[in-house]
């Protein structure tokens, strides 16, 4: 399986504005098999406790060159800062996750069956490989490496269908605001 490519279409200080754009784009997507993935960098026991209430059985690993992971059965609070990831979660998990992460760098990625036809740019239905939306909170990039005080919405497409990203942005009254980049997963 190859990675999708993502392009930012909105940067905002208002998280609810980012969620509104995501909802509008989900409104034109094929939502069969809709799942949500989460990733967060956690540095405090307070945030860790809140996130583990929402995502109790998730993968985590110590940041940097340090040892410690869920795979080894370690206690995550003894290995902060950590990175935690939850896969294939139900849609109802989004709001509790957003509340739990506070101002930690985090992403929510919506994964679904496909994008609609884009005849104006010569594209048919988009398949699952490039059908994602990501909301980055308190970070500018998909890798959670560039801290920020704002939030960014990315549309994901297949690299060969790069014209779909600006087309999707236009569907919600926006334009692309950055380069098309390979998504980390």
Foldseek 3Di string as FASTA:
>chain_A
DFFWKKFWWDKFLDVVVLVVLVVLQVVQWAAVLKFKKKKFFDADPQLVVQQCVLVVDWWKAAPDPDGDIVVVVDDVRVRPRMMTMDTRHDPVSVVSNVVSNPQTWMKMKIFGAWGQADVVVPGHTAGRNFAMKMKIHQADDLVSPHGHSIIIIMHTGHPVVVVVRQVSSVSVPTGTDDDIGGHPD
